[in-house]
Each structure stands twice: as structure tokens, then as C-alpha cells.
Protein backbone atom coordinates (compact mmCIF):
# COMPACT_ATOMS: atom_id res chain seq x y z
CA MET A 1 19.75 41.82 -6.83
CA THR A 2 18.66 42.52 -3.33
CA THR A 3 20.43 41.17 -0.30
CA LYS A 4 17.51 38.86 0.54
CA THR A 5 17.66 37.08 -2.83
CA LEU A 6 21.46 36.84 -2.60
CA ILE A 7 21.22 35.25 0.86
CA ILE A 8 18.55 32.79 -0.36
CA ILE A 9 20.67 31.80 -3.37
CA ILE A 10 23.73 31.28 -1.16
CA LEU A 11 21.71 29.12 1.26
CA ILE A 12 20.30 27.00 -1.56
CA LEU A 13 23.77 26.49 -3.06
CA GLY A 14 25.12 25.59 0.38
CA VAL A 15 22.42 22.99 0.95
CA LEU A 16 22.92 21.51 -2.53
CA GLY A 17 26.68 21.45 -1.98
CA PHE A 18 26.26 19.68 1.36
CA PHE A 19 24.02 16.98 -0.12
CA GLY A 20 26.33 16.63 -3.12
CA TYR A 21 29.29 16.07 -0.80
CA ILE A 22 27.38 13.44 1.17
CA MET A 23 26.25 11.65 -2.00
CA PHE A 24 29.61 11.52 -3.81
CA PHE A 25 32.46 11.74 -1.31
CA GLN A 26 31.42 9.86 1.81
CA SER A 27 32.06 6.14 2.02
CA PRO A 28 28.94 3.97 1.95
CA GLU A 29 27.76 2.71 5.30
CA LYS A 30 27.59 -0.94 6.14
CA THR A 31 24.47 -2.46 4.58
CA ILE A 32 22.21 -4.93 6.33
CA GLU A 33 21.75 -8.27 4.60
CA PHE A 34 18.08 -9.19 4.75
CA ILE A 35 18.39 -12.63 3.20
CA ASP A 36 20.55 -15.17 4.95
CA THR A 37 21.85 -17.34 2.14
CA SER A 38 23.03 -20.08 4.50
CA ASN A 39 19.43 -20.84 5.58
CA SER A 40 17.80 -20.43 2.16
CA GLU A 41 17.51 -24.18 1.62
CA ILE A 42 15.76 -24.61 4.96
CA ILE A 43 13.31 -21.79 4.24
CA GLY A 44 12.56 -23.16 0.79
CA GLY A 45 12.05 -26.65 2.21
CA ASP A 46 9.48 -25.36 4.70
CA ILE A 47 7.51 -23.69 1.94
CA LEU A 48 7.56 -26.80 -0.23
CA ALA A 49 6.40 -28.95 2.68
CA LEU A 50 3.52 -26.54 3.33
CA ILE A 51 2.51 -26.65 -0.34
CA GLU A 52 2.45 -30.44 -0.24
CA LYS A 53 0.17 -30.34 2.83
CA LEU A 54 -2.18 -27.92 1.05
CA LYS A 55 -2.43 -30.18 -1.99
CA ILE A 56 -3.87 -32.94 0.20
CA ILE A 57 -6.85 -30.79 1.27
CA SER A 58 -10.03 -31.51 -0.69
CA ILE A 59 -13.40 -29.75 -0.55
CA ASP A 60 -16.61 -31.73 -0.73
CA GLN A 61 -18.47 -30.20 -3.71
CA SER A 62 -21.81 -31.67 -2.63
CA ILE A 63 -22.12 -28.86 -0.02
CA PHE A 64 -22.97 -26.43 -2.81
CA SER A 65 -25.87 -28.56 -4.07
CA SER A 66 -27.36 -29.39 -0.66
CA ALA A 67 -31.01 -28.54 0.10
CA LEU A 68 -30.00 -26.33 3.05
CA LEU A 69 -27.90 -24.07 0.87
CA ILE A 70 -30.42 -23.97 -2.00
CA ASN A 71 -33.34 -23.08 0.32
CA LEU A 72 -31.59 -20.04 1.83
CA LYS A 73 -33.54 -16.82 1.24
CA ASP A 74 -32.18 -13.40 0.53
CA TYR A 75 -33.57 -10.89 3.04
CA SER A 76 -31.46 -7.96 1.90
CA ILE A 77 -33.11 -4.57 1.45
CA PRO A 78 -32.26 -2.64 -1.72
CA VAL A 79 -30.73 0.77 -1.07
CA SER A 80 -32.47 3.63 -2.84
CA LEU A 81 -30.45 6.33 -4.56
CA GLU A 82 -30.28 9.64 -2.72
CA ALA A 83 -28.68 13.00 -3.39
CA VAL A 84 -24.98 12.96 -2.64
CA GLY A 85 -23.72 16.15 -1.00
CA LYS A 86 -22.59 19.31 -2.76
CA LEU A 87 -21.06 19.48 -6.23
CA ASN A 88 -18.08 21.33 -4.77
CA PRO A 89 -17.32 20.05 -1.26
CA PHE A 90 -15.14 23.10 -0.56
CA ALA A 91 -17.77 25.66 -1.51
CA LEU A 92 -19.49 27.55 1.27
CA PHE A 93 -23.18 26.93 1.90
CA GLY A 94 -25.32 29.20 -0.25
CA ASP A 95 -22.67 29.78 -2.94
CA GLY A 96 -24.42 27.62 -5.52
CA GLY A 97 -22.28 24.58 -4.79
CA LEU A 98 -25.28 22.61 -3.57
């Protein structure tokens, strides 16, 4: 073994040892509680009230059969197919990748 490989192996073992120590021997830090259980009933009540308001909404279906909507014309232009770039986007120009 050369000295370079020995130094690299020692560095890798040191880094792995450091992370192993952090993972297994340090006490866990204080975690942040994202959900406040004391206000969960209030949050749930707001959502239920919003759902009840949404149930009241009705859409008039006659809009879809109106003469204005039926008489609309499609003025879109069809797109013709064209060649799409090179087969190999990383090939240099003139290398047969066109």
C-alpha cells in the first residue's frame, strides 16, 4: 500500500467514525411539533364549515346547451410535424448525429 491510499483510508474511516458517533451517542435534539393538538378541533371545524358552504353552490347546467356556446367556432390552426433536432443532442455538428 502506498502512503496516499493509507491516508485516504484513514480519512474515510475517520469520517465514518464521526458520523457514527453523532448518530448513536449524541442525545436527540428537541423536535418541533408541527400539529398543535389543542387547536385540532377548531381547525377541523373550519374545514367542515367550508365544505358545507361548498355543498350549497350549484351550477346552472343550461349554460352548456345555450346557443351562444353551441355557435362558437374553432379558429385553431393545426400544427404540422417538423424535424426535431439531432438524434444525439450531445453529438458535435457533422458527426452523423443529425
